[in-house]
Amino acid sequence: MQINPTAIQGVTEFIAKVYGDSRGSFAEAFRSESMVAAGYDFAITQVNTSVSQRGVLRGLHYAQLAPSQAKYVTCSMGTILDVAVDIREGSATFGEVVTAELSSQKRNALFLAEGVGHAFLTMSDTATVTYLCSTGFNPTNEFGIHPLDPELGIPWPQDLDFILSDKDKAAPTLAAARELGQLPKWSDLAR
């Protein structure tokens, strides 16, 4: 598996080697040794799957520390634009955005460490996205930032009509979440 670090500490792209023949193809979707090689101690506690239609924009979601939730995100059918935003106050890369096109053709995944905001946009007619999570869902610890907040500067494609949940539409801006004290603190991360 190819390991590609990104501009944000704790966000890494993993690209599987695909083996194909006349029957189709095979690839390892996850390998714990690759996580260790990238410097992550990642135990899987919960696996989530979502199916979305073209234009569905999910996020920007994160869990407060501690415990937060690290995620290994892959797209097993279709194509998404996956987005990681460093919202950890005090981080050297606070406010940085990393995007990756995840698809069933590329067989790649994006790992997001605890405290990193996550969103994705469905680019194909439908997409199936699987998240391997380090902790289970805890509604009292879950927060969001409006994914279209101009301060984030996320390079969303402009040729789609975005479909957001009511919860995501009502999410605060980055500045408002910061003012409310909802952002994770870099100093609270166990490194």
N, C-alpha and C. Protein backbone atom coordinates (compact mmCIF):
# COMPACT_ATOMS: atom_id res chain seq x y z
N MET A 1 0.85 -1.18 0.00
CA MET A 1 0.00 0.00 0.00
C MET A 1 0.90 1.24 0.00
N GLN A 2 0.57 2.18 -0.86
CA GLN A 2 1.33 3.43 -0.95
C GLN A 2 0.81 4.39 0.11
N ILE A 3 1.72 5.07 0.82
CA ILE A 3 1.39 5.99 1.90
C ILE A 3 1.80 7.39 1.48
N ASN A 4 0.81 8.31 1.40
CA ASN A 4 1.08 9.69 0.99
C ASN A 4 0.69 10.66 2.09
N PRO A 5 1.67 11.18 2.86
CA PRO A 5 1.35 12.21 3.86
C PRO A 5 0.82 13.46 3.15
N THR A 6 0.04 14.27 3.87
CA THR A 6 -0.50 15.50 3.32
C THR A 6 0.05 16.70 4.08
N ALA A 7 -0.44 17.87 3.76
CA ALA A 7 0.00 19.11 4.41
C ALA A 7 -0.47 19.21 5.86
N ILE A 8 -1.44 18.40 6.25
CA ILE A 8 -1.95 18.43 7.63
C ILE A 8 -1.40 17.24 8.39
N GLN A 9 -0.76 17.51 9.53
CA GLN A 9 -0.28 16.41 10.38
C GLN A 9 -1.49 15.61 10.85
N GLY A 10 -1.44 14.30 10.64
CA GLY A 10 -2.54 13.44 11.03
C GLY A 10 -3.53 13.16 9.92
N VAL A 11 -3.24 13.62 8.70
CA VAL A 11 -4.09 13.32 7.54
C VAL A 11 -3.19 12.69 6.48
N THR A 12 -3.50 11.46 6.10
CA THR A 12 -2.67 10.69 5.17
C THR A 12 -3.55 9.97 4.17
N GLU A 13 -3.11 9.97 2.91
CA GLU A 13 -3.80 9.20 1.88
C GLU A 13 -3.11 7.85 1.73
N PHE A 14 -3.92 6.80 1.64
CA PHE A 14 -3.42 5.45 1.42
C PHE A 14 -3.96 4.98 0.07
N ILE A 15 -3.08 4.45 -0.77
CA ILE A 15 -3.49 3.98 -2.09
C ILE A 15 -3.16 2.50 -2.20
N ALA A 16 -4.19 1.71 -2.41
CA ALA A 16 -4.02 0.26 -2.49
C ALA A 16 -3.45 -0.15 -3.84
N LYS A 17 -2.68 -1.22 -3.84
CA LYS A 17 -2.22 -1.81 -5.09
C LYS A 17 -3.35 -2.70 -5.59
N VAL A 18 -3.76 -2.48 -6.83
CA VAL A 18 -4.87 -3.22 -7.42
C VAL A 18 -4.32 -4.33 -8.31
N TYR A 19 -4.81 -5.54 -8.08
CA TYR A 19 -4.43 -6.70 -8.87
C TYR A 19 -5.63 -7.06 -9.75
N GLY A 20 -5.43 -7.07 -11.06
CA GLY A 20 -6.53 -7.36 -11.96
C GLY A 20 -6.22 -8.48 -12.93
N ASP A 21 -7.26 -9.14 -13.35
CA ASP A 21 -7.16 -10.16 -14.41
C ASP A 21 -8.51 -10.22 -15.12
N SER A 22 -8.73 -11.25 -15.90
CA SER A 22 -9.96 -11.34 -16.69
C SER A 22 -11.22 -11.45 -15.83
N ARG A 23 -11.07 -11.84 -14.57
CA ARG A 23 -12.23 -11.97 -13.67
C ARG A 23 -12.65 -10.65 -13.05
N GLY A 24 -11.71 -9.69 -12.99
CA GLY A 24 -11.98 -8.43 -12.31
C GLY A 24 -10.73 -7.95 -11.59
N SER A 25 -10.89 -7.48 -10.36
CA SER A 25 -9.74 -6.97 -9.63
C SER A 25 -9.86 -7.25 -8.14
N PHE A 26 -8.73 -7.12 -7.45
CA PHE A 26 -8.65 -7.31 -6.02
C PHE A 26 -7.68 -6.28 -5.46
N ALA A 27 -8.02 -5.74 -4.28
CA ALA A 27 -7.13 -4.82 -3.58
C ALA A 27 -7.40 -4.90 -2.09
N GLU A 28 -6.38 -4.68 -1.29
CA GLU A 28 -6.56 -4.60 0.16
C GLU A 28 -7.13 -3.22 0.48
N ALA A 29 -8.29 -3.17 1.12
CA ALA A 29 -8.91 -1.89 1.45
C ALA A 29 -8.30 -1.27 2.70
N PHE A 30 -7.75 -2.10 3.59
CA PHE A 30 -7.14 -1.62 4.82
C PHE A 30 -6.10 -2.63 5.26
N ARG A 31 -4.99 -2.11 5.80
CA ARG A 31 -3.94 -2.98 6.32
C ARG A 31 -3.33 -2.30 7.54
N SER A 32 -3.42 -2.95 8.69
CA SER A 32 -2.94 -2.33 9.93
C SER A 32 -1.44 -2.03 9.88
N GLU A 33 -0.66 -2.86 9.19
CA GLU A 33 0.77 -2.62 9.08
C GLU A 33 1.07 -1.30 8.37
N SER A 34 0.22 -0.92 7.42
CA SER A 34 0.38 0.35 6.72
C SER A 34 0.12 1.52 7.67
N MET A 35 -0.84 1.35 8.55
CA MET A 35 -1.12 2.40 9.54
C MET A 35 0.07 2.58 10.48
N VAL A 36 0.64 1.47 10.92
CA VAL A 36 1.83 1.53 11.80
C VAL A 36 2.99 2.18 11.05
N ALA A 37 3.17 1.80 9.79
CA ALA A 37 4.26 2.38 8.99
C ALA A 37 4.09 3.89 8.82
N ALA A 38 2.83 4.36 8.82
CA ALA A 38 2.56 5.80 8.70
C ALA A 38 2.62 6.51 10.05
N GLY A 39 2.82 5.74 11.11
CA GLY A 39 2.97 6.33 12.44
C GLY A 39 1.69 6.43 13.24
N TYR A 40 0.66 5.65 12.87
CA TYR A 40 -0.63 5.73 13.55
C TYR A 40 -0.90 4.47 14.36
N ASP A 41 -1.43 4.67 15.56
CA ASP A 41 -1.95 3.60 16.39
C ASP A 41 -3.46 3.68 16.25
N PHE A 42 -4.03 2.86 15.37
CA PHE A 42 -5.43 2.99 15.00
C PHE A 42 -6.15 1.68 15.23
N ALA A 43 -7.01 1.66 16.26
CA ALA A 43 -7.83 0.50 16.54
C ALA A 43 -9.24 0.78 16.05
N ILE A 44 -9.83 -0.15 15.36
CA ILE A 44 -11.17 0.03 14.79
C ILE A 44 -12.22 -0.42 15.80
N THR A 45 -13.13 0.49 16.14
CA THR A 45 -14.19 0.21 17.08
C THR A 45 -15.55 0.14 16.40
N GLN A 46 -15.73 0.91 15.33
CA GLN A 46 -17.01 0.97 14.64
C GLN A 46 -16.76 1.15 13.15
N VAL A 47 -17.62 0.55 12.33
CA VAL A 47 -17.56 0.71 10.88
C VAL A 47 -18.90 1.25 10.42
N ASN A 48 -18.86 2.38 9.69
CA ASN A 48 -20.08 3.01 9.17
C ASN A 48 -20.07 2.97 7.65
N THR A 49 -21.25 2.87 7.05
CA THR A 49 -21.39 2.93 5.60
C THR A 49 -22.52 3.89 5.26
N SER A 50 -22.26 4.78 4.31
CA SER A 50 -23.32 5.67 3.84
C SER A 50 -23.42 5.55 2.32
N VAL A 51 -24.63 5.70 1.82
CA VAL A 51 -24.89 5.71 0.39
C VAL A 51 -25.53 7.06 0.08
N SER A 52 -24.97 7.75 -0.90
CA SER A 52 -25.44 9.10 -1.21
C SER A 52 -25.59 9.28 -2.71
N GLN A 53 -26.49 10.17 -3.08
CA GLN A 53 -26.68 10.50 -4.49
C GLN A 53 -25.80 11.69 -4.87
N ARG A 54 -25.67 11.92 -6.14
CA ARG A 54 -24.86 13.02 -6.68
C ARG A 54 -25.27 14.35 -6.04
N GLY A 55 -24.30 15.10 -5.60
CA GLY A 55 -24.55 16.41 -5.01
C GLY A 55 -24.72 16.40 -3.51
N VAL A 56 -24.84 15.22 -2.89
CA VAL A 56 -24.98 15.17 -1.43
C VAL A 56 -23.64 15.60 -0.81
N LEU A 57 -23.75 16.57 0.08
CA LEU A 57 -22.59 17.12 0.80
C LEU A 57 -22.80 16.80 2.28
N ARG A 58 -21.95 15.94 2.81
CA ARG A 58 -22.05 15.54 4.22
C ARG A 58 -20.89 16.16 5.00
N GLY A 59 -21.21 16.81 6.10
CA GLY A 59 -20.16 17.39 6.93
C GLY A 59 -20.29 18.89 6.94
N LEU A 60 -19.40 19.46 7.56
CA LEU A 60 -18.10 19.15 8.10
C LEU A 60 -18.28 18.71 9.54
N HIS A 61 -17.96 17.46 9.84
CA HIS A 61 -18.19 16.86 11.14
C HIS A 61 -16.89 16.58 11.87
N TYR A 62 -16.98 16.60 13.20
CA TYR A 62 -15.84 16.25 14.04
C TYR A 62 -16.36 15.91 15.43
N ALA A 63 -15.51 15.25 16.19
CA ALA A 63 -15.83 14.92 17.58
C ALA A 63 -14.86 15.68 18.48
N GLN A 64 -15.41 16.18 19.57
CA GLN A 64 -14.59 16.92 20.54
C GLN A 64 -13.63 15.95 21.23
N LEU A 65 -12.51 16.47 21.70
CA LEU A 65 -11.54 15.67 22.44
C LEU A 65 -11.98 15.61 23.89
N ALA A 66 -11.61 14.68 24.61
CA ALA A 66 -11.31 13.32 24.33
C ALA A 66 -12.42 12.45 24.92
N PRO A 67 -12.67 11.29 24.37
CA PRO A 67 -11.99 10.84 23.17
C PRO A 67 -12.67 11.42 21.93
N SER A 68 -11.90 11.62 20.93
CA SER A 68 -12.42 12.08 19.66
C SER A 68 -12.62 10.85 18.78
N GLN A 69 -12.58 11.04 17.48
CA GLN A 69 -12.77 9.90 16.58
C GLN A 69 -11.87 10.06 15.37
N ALA A 70 -10.91 9.15 15.24
CA ALA A 70 -10.10 9.08 14.04
C ALA A 70 -10.89 8.26 13.02
N LYS A 71 -10.70 8.57 11.73
CA LYS A 71 -11.46 7.90 10.68
C LYS A 71 -10.54 7.49 9.53
N TYR A 72 -10.81 6.35 8.96
CA TYR A 72 -10.19 5.86 7.74
C TYR A 72 -11.34 5.75 6.75
N VAL A 73 -11.36 6.63 5.74
CA VAL A 73 -12.52 6.77 4.85
C VAL A 73 -12.17 6.26 3.46
N THR A 74 -13.04 5.42 2.91
CA THR A 74 -12.84 4.90 1.57
C THR A 74 -14.17 4.88 0.82
N CYS A 75 -14.09 4.93 -0.49
CA CYS A 75 -15.29 4.93 -1.34
C CYS A 75 -15.28 3.63 -2.14
N SER A 76 -16.17 2.71 -1.79
CA SER A 76 -16.18 1.40 -2.44
C SER A 76 -17.01 1.35 -3.71
N MET A 77 -17.86 2.37 -3.92
CA MET A 77 -18.61 2.46 -5.16
C MET A 77 -18.79 3.94 -5.50
N GLY A 78 -18.41 4.32 -6.71
CA GLY A 78 -18.57 5.70 -7.14
C GLY A 78 -17.36 6.56 -6.85
N THR A 79 -17.60 7.88 -6.77
CA THR A 79 -16.52 8.85 -6.57
C THR A 79 -17.00 9.96 -5.64
N ILE A 80 -16.13 10.33 -4.70
CA ILE A 80 -16.42 11.46 -3.82
C ILE A 80 -15.22 12.40 -3.79
N LEU A 81 -15.49 13.64 -3.43
CA LEU A 81 -14.43 14.58 -3.08
C LEU A 81 -14.40 14.57 -1.56
N ASP A 82 -13.34 14.01 -0.99
CA ASP A 82 -13.21 13.90 0.45
C ASP A 82 -12.40 15.09 0.95
N VAL A 83 -12.81 15.65 2.09
CA VAL A 83 -12.21 16.88 2.59
C VAL A 83 -11.84 16.73 4.06
N ALA A 84 -10.61 17.12 4.38
CA ALA A 84 -10.14 17.19 5.77
C ALA A 84 -9.76 18.64 6.05
N VAL A 85 -10.20 19.15 7.21
CA VAL A 85 -9.86 20.51 7.61
C VAL A 85 -9.27 20.45 9.01
N ASP A 86 -8.10 21.06 9.17
CA ASP A 86 -7.48 21.11 10.49
C ASP A 86 -8.17 22.19 11.31
N ILE A 87 -9.02 21.76 12.24
CA ILE A 87 -9.74 22.69 13.10
C ILE A 87 -9.25 22.60 14.54
N ARG A 88 -8.06 22.02 14.73
CA ARG A 88 -7.48 21.86 16.06
C ARG A 88 -6.78 23.16 16.45
N GLU A 89 -7.39 23.89 17.36
CA GLU A 89 -6.82 25.18 17.79
C GLU A 89 -5.42 24.96 18.34
N GLY A 90 -4.48 25.76 17.86
CA GLY A 90 -3.10 25.66 18.30
C GLY A 90 -2.24 24.82 17.37
N SER A 91 -2.84 24.14 16.42
CA SER A 91 -2.08 23.35 15.45
C SER A 91 -1.36 24.29 14.48
N ALA A 92 -0.16 23.90 14.07
CA ALA A 92 0.62 24.71 13.11
C ALA A 92 -0.10 24.82 11.77
N THR A 93 -1.01 23.89 11.48
CA THR A 93 -1.72 23.93 10.20
C THR A 93 -3.21 24.25 10.38
N PHE A 94 -3.56 24.92 11.49
CA PHE A 94 -4.96 25.28 11.74
C PHE A 94 -5.54 26.00 10.53
N GLY A 95 -6.71 25.55 10.09
CA GLY A 95 -7.39 26.15 8.95
C GLY A 95 -7.00 25.57 7.60
N GLU A 96 -5.96 24.75 7.55
CA GLU A 96 -5.54 24.13 6.29
C GLU A 96 -6.60 23.13 5.83
N VAL A 97 -6.74 23.02 4.51
CA VAL A 97 -7.69 22.10 3.89
C VAL A 97 -6.93 21.13 2.99
N VAL A 98 -7.28 19.85 3.09
CA VAL A 98 -6.74 18.82 2.20
C VAL A 98 -7.92 18.15 1.53
N THR A 99 -7.85 18.00 0.21
CA THR A 99 -8.89 17.29 -0.52
C THR A 99 -8.28 16.09 -1.24
N ALA A 100 -9.09 15.07 -1.40
CA ALA A 100 -8.67 13.88 -2.15
C ALA A 100 -9.90 13.32 -2.84
N GLU A 101 -9.75 12.98 -4.11
CA GLU A 101 -10.82 12.28 -4.80
C GLU A 101 -10.69 10.81 -4.45
N LEU A 102 -11.68 10.28 -3.74
CA LEU A 102 -11.69 8.87 -3.40
C LEU A 102 -12.67 8.18 -4.33
N SER A 103 -12.27 7.02 -4.85
CA SER A 103 -13.16 6.33 -5.79
C SER A 103 -12.93 4.83 -5.78
N SER A 104 -13.93 4.13 -6.30
CA SER A 104 -13.83 2.68 -6.42
C SER A 104 -12.79 2.31 -7.47
N GLN A 105 -12.47 3.21 -8.38
CA GLN A 105 -11.44 2.94 -9.38
C GLN A 105 -10.03 3.14 -8.81
N LYS A 106 -9.85 4.21 -8.04
CA LYS A 106 -8.52 4.49 -7.48
C LYS A 106 -8.17 3.57 -6.32
N ARG A 107 -9.20 3.10 -5.59
CA ARG A 107 -9.02 2.24 -4.42
C ARG A 107 -8.13 2.93 -3.37
N ASN A 108 -8.39 4.20 -3.13
CA ASN A 108 -7.62 4.94 -2.15
C ASN A 108 -8.48 5.26 -0.94
N ALA A 109 -7.82 5.72 0.13
CA ALA A 109 -8.51 6.05 1.37
C ALA A 109 -7.82 7.26 1.98
N LEU A 110 -8.54 7.97 2.84
CA LEU A 110 -7.97 9.09 3.56
C LEU A 110 -8.13 8.81 5.05
N PHE A 111 -7.02 8.91 5.77
CA PHE A 111 -7.04 8.77 7.23
C PHE A 111 -7.05 10.16 7.83
N LEU A 112 -7.95 10.37 8.80
CA LEU A 112 -8.05 11.64 9.52
C LEU A 112 -7.89 11.37 11.01
N ALA A 113 -6.89 11.99 11.61
CA ALA A 113 -6.63 11.82 13.03
C ALA A 113 -7.73 12.51 13.85
N GLU A 114 -7.72 12.25 15.14
CA GLU A 114 -8.68 12.86 16.06
C GLU A 114 -8.63 14.38 15.95
N GLY A 115 -9.80 14.98 15.98
CA GLY A 115 -9.90 16.43 15.99
C GLY A 115 -9.89 17.09 14.62
N VAL A 116 -9.73 16.32 13.56
CA VAL A 116 -9.73 16.88 12.21
C VAL A 116 -11.17 16.85 11.68
N GLY A 117 -11.61 17.96 11.09
CA GLY A 117 -12.95 18.03 10.52
C GLY A 117 -13.03 17.26 9.22
N HIS A 118 -14.18 16.64 8.96
CA HIS A 118 -14.35 15.80 7.77
C HIS A 118 -15.66 16.10 7.05
N ALA A 119 -15.58 16.16 5.73
CA ALA A 119 -16.76 16.32 4.88
C ALA A 119 -16.50 15.59 3.56
N PHE A 120 -17.57 15.28 2.86
CA PHE A 120 -17.39 14.78 1.50
C PHE A 120 -18.57 15.15 0.64
N LEU A 121 -18.31 15.22 -0.67
CA LEU A 121 -19.29 15.55 -1.68
C LEU A 121 -19.36 14.39 -2.68
N THR A 122 -20.56 13.90 -2.95
CA THR A 122 -20.74 12.82 -3.92
C THR A 122 -20.66 13.38 -5.33
N MET A 123 -19.70 12.88 -6.10
CA MET A 123 -19.45 13.36 -7.46
C MET A 123 -20.11 12.46 -8.52
N SER A 124 -20.27 11.19 -8.22
CA SER A 124 -20.88 10.25 -9.17
C SER A 124 -22.39 10.19 -8.92
N ASP A 125 -23.12 9.44 -9.76
CA ASP A 125 -24.57 9.35 -9.59
C ASP A 125 -24.93 8.86 -8.19
N THR A 126 -24.20 7.87 -7.70
CA THR A 126 -24.32 7.41 -6.31
C THR A 126 -22.92 7.05 -5.84
N ALA A 127 -22.76 7.00 -4.53
CA ALA A 127 -21.47 6.59 -3.96
C ALA A 127 -21.72 5.89 -2.63
N THR A 128 -20.94 4.86 -2.39
CA THR A 128 -20.96 4.16 -1.12
C THR A 128 -19.65 4.45 -0.42
N VAL A 129 -19.75 5.03 0.77
CA VAL A 129 -18.58 5.44 1.54
C VAL A 129 -18.54 4.64 2.84
N THR A 130 -17.37 4.11 3.16
CA THR A 130 -17.19 3.35 4.40
C THR A 130 -16.17 4.07 5.27
N TYR A 131 -16.50 4.21 6.55
CA TYR A 131 -15.62 4.83 7.53
C TYR A 131 -15.25 3.78 8.57
N LEU A 132 -13.96 3.56 8.75
CA LEU A 132 -13.48 2.75 9.87
C LEU A 132 -13.19 3.76 10.98
N CYS A 133 -13.79 3.59 12.14
CA CYS A 133 -13.70 4.61 13.20
C CYS A 133 -13.02 4.06 14.45
N SER A 134 -12.26 4.94 15.11
CA SER A 134 -11.52 4.54 16.31
C SER A 134 -12.41 4.49 17.55
N THR A 135 -13.52 5.21 17.54
CA THR A 135 -14.47 5.19 18.65
C THR A 135 -15.89 5.12 18.09
N GLY A 136 -16.82 4.73 18.93
CA GLY A 136 -18.21 4.68 18.51
C GLY A 136 -18.84 6.07 18.52
N PHE A 137 -19.97 6.16 17.87
CA PHE A 137 -20.70 7.42 17.79
C PHE A 137 -21.15 7.85 19.19
N ASN A 138 -20.92 9.12 19.52
CA ASN A 138 -21.32 9.69 20.80
C ASN A 138 -21.98 11.04 20.51
N PRO A 139 -23.32 11.08 20.45
CA PRO A 139 -24.00 12.31 20.02
C PRO A 139 -23.69 13.54 20.87
N THR A 140 -23.34 13.35 22.14
CA THR A 140 -23.05 14.51 22.98
C THR A 140 -21.67 15.09 22.69
N ASN A 141 -20.86 14.35 21.95
CA ASN A 141 -19.48 14.77 21.66
C ASN A 141 -19.30 15.16 20.20
N GLU A 142 -20.37 15.11 19.40
CA GLU A 142 -20.30 15.34 17.97
C GLU A 142 -20.68 16.78 17.63
N PHE A 143 -19.90 17.40 16.74
CA PHE A 143 -20.14 18.78 16.34
C PHE A 143 -19.99 18.92 14.84
N GLY A 144 -20.37 20.08 14.34
CA GLY A 144 -20.22 20.35 12.91
C GLY A 144 -19.95 21.81 12.65
N ILE A 145 -19.40 22.06 11.49
CA ILE A 145 -19.16 23.41 10.98
C ILE A 145 -19.79 23.44 9.60
N HIS A 146 -20.42 24.56 9.26
CA HIS A 146 -21.09 24.64 7.96
C HIS A 146 -20.07 24.42 6.85
N PRO A 147 -20.28 23.43 5.99
CA PRO A 147 -19.28 23.08 4.97
C PRO A 147 -19.07 24.15 3.90
N LEU A 148 -20.03 25.08 3.79
CA LEU A 148 -19.90 26.13 2.78
C LEU A 148 -19.42 27.45 3.40
N ASP A 149 -18.94 27.41 4.63
CA ASP A 149 -18.39 28.60 5.29
C ASP A 149 -17.23 29.13 4.44
N PRO A 150 -17.33 30.37 3.95
CA PRO A 150 -16.26 30.90 3.09
C PRO A 150 -14.90 30.96 3.77
N GLU A 151 -14.88 31.08 5.09
CA GLU A 151 -13.60 31.13 5.81
C GLU A 151 -12.80 29.84 5.64
N LEU A 152 -13.49 28.73 5.45
CA LEU A 152 -12.80 27.45 5.27
C LEU A 152 -12.06 27.39 3.94
N GLY A 153 -12.63 28.03 2.92
CA GLY A 153 -11.98 28.05 1.61
C GLY A 153 -11.92 26.69 0.94
N ILE A 154 -12.88 25.85 1.20
CA ILE A 154 -12.89 24.51 0.58
C ILE A 154 -13.21 24.67 -0.90
N PRO A 155 -12.40 24.07 -1.78
CA PRO A 155 -12.62 24.22 -3.23
C PRO A 155 -13.70 23.27 -3.76
N TRP A 156 -14.95 23.51 -3.33
CA TRP A 156 -16.05 22.68 -3.81
C TRP A 156 -16.29 22.94 -5.28
N PRO A 157 -16.60 21.92 -6.07
CA PRO A 157 -16.96 22.13 -7.48
C PRO A 157 -18.21 23.01 -7.56
N GLN A 158 -18.27 23.87 -8.54
CA GLN A 158 -19.39 24.80 -8.65
C GLN A 158 -20.47 24.31 -9.63
N ASP A 159 -20.28 23.12 -10.22
CA ASP A 159 -21.23 22.63 -11.21
C ASP A 159 -22.29 21.70 -10.63
N LEU A 160 -22.41 21.65 -9.29
CA LEU A 160 -23.39 20.79 -8.64
C LEU A 160 -24.32 21.60 -7.75
N ASP A 161 -25.55 21.15 -7.62
CA ASP A 161 -26.46 21.69 -6.62
C ASP A 161 -26.26 20.85 -5.37
N PHE A 162 -25.80 21.48 -4.29
CA PHE A 162 -25.48 20.75 -3.07
C PHE A 162 -26.75 20.37 -2.31
N ILE A 163 -26.75 19.15 -1.78
CA ILE A 163 -27.85 18.65 -0.96
C ILE A 163 -27.28 18.42 0.43
N LEU A 164 -27.74 19.23 1.40
CA LEU A 164 -27.26 19.15 2.78
C LEU A 164 -28.39 18.72 3.70
N SER A 165 -28.05 18.06 4.79
CA SER A 165 -29.04 17.73 5.81
C SER A 165 -29.42 19.02 6.54
N ASP A 166 -30.56 19.00 7.22
CA ASP A 166 -30.97 20.16 8.01
C ASP A 166 -29.92 20.46 9.09
N LYS A 167 -29.36 19.42 9.67
CA LYS A 167 -28.33 19.59 10.71
C LYS A 167 -27.10 20.31 10.15
N ASP A 168 -26.65 19.91 8.95
CA ASP A 168 -25.48 20.54 8.36
C ASP A 168 -25.77 21.97 7.92
N LYS A 169 -27.01 22.21 7.44
CA LYS A 169 -27.40 23.58 7.06
C LYS A 169 -27.37 24.52 8.27
N ALA A 170 -27.70 23.99 9.45
CA ALA A 170 -27.77 24.80 10.66
C ALA A 170 -26.45 24.89 11.42
N ALA A 171 -25.42 24.21 10.93
CA ALA A 171 -24.13 24.20 11.64
C ALA A 171 -23.53 25.59 11.65
N PRO A 172 -22.78 25.92 12.72
CA PRO A 172 -22.16 27.24 12.81
C PRO A 172 -20.97 27.37 11.86
N THR A 173 -20.54 28.61 11.66
CA THR A 173 -19.31 28.85 10.92
C THR A 173 -18.12 28.46 11.79
N LEU A 174 -16.94 28.42 11.20
CA LEU A 174 -15.72 28.12 11.96
C LEU A 174 -15.54 29.15 13.07
N ALA A 175 -15.73 30.43 12.75
CA ALA A 175 -15.56 31.49 13.75
C ALA A 175 -16.55 31.33 14.89
N ALA A 176 -17.80 30.99 14.58
CA ALA A 176 -18.80 30.82 15.63
C ALA A 176 -18.49 29.60 16.49
N ALA A 177 -18.06 28.50 15.87
CA ALA A 177 -17.70 27.30 16.64
C ALA A 177 -16.52 27.60 17.56
N ARG A 178 -15.59 28.39 17.08
CA ARG A 178 -14.43 28.78 17.90
C ARG A 178 -14.90 29.63 19.08
N GLU A 179 -15.78 30.58 18.80
CA GLU A 179 -16.30 31.46 19.85
C GLU A 179 -17.09 30.67 20.90
N LEU A 180 -17.79 29.63 20.47
CA LEU A 180 -18.56 28.79 21.39
C LEU A 180 -17.68 27.81 22.17
N GLY A 181 -16.39 27.76 21.85
CA GLY A 181 -15.47 26.84 22.54
C GLY A 181 -15.65 25.39 22.12
N GLN A 182 -16.15 25.16 20.90
CA GLN A 182 -16.43 23.80 20.44
C GLN A 182 -15.28 23.15 19.69
N LEU A 183 -14.24 23.90 19.36
CA LEU A 183 -13.16 23.32 18.56
C LEU A 183 -12.21 22.51 19.42
N PRO A 184 -11.68 21.41 18.86
CA PRO A 184 -10.66 20.64 19.57
C PRO A 184 -9.40 21.47 19.78
N LYS A 185 -8.68 21.18 20.84
CA LYS A 185 -7.44 21.89 21.15
C LYS A 185 -6.25 20.98 20.86
N TRP A 186 -5.31 21.48 20.10
CA TRP A 186 -4.10 20.73 19.76
C TRP A 186 -3.41 20.24 21.05
N SER A 187 -3.41 21.08 22.07
CA SER A 187 -2.74 20.75 23.32
C SER A 187 -3.39 19.58 24.07
N ASP A 188 -4.64 19.25 23.72
CA ASP A 188 -5.33 18.12 24.37
C ASP A 188 -5.05 16.78 23.71
N LEU A 189 -4.39 16.81 22.57
CA LEU A 189 -4.10 15.56 21.86
C LEU A 189 -2.94 14.84 22.53
N ALA A 190 -3.09 13.54 22.70
CA ALA A 190 -1.99 12.71 23.20
C ALA A 190 -1.09 12.41 22.02
N ARG A 191 0.12 12.91 22.06
CA ARG A 191 1.04 12.70 20.93
C ARG A 191 2.22 11.88 21.35
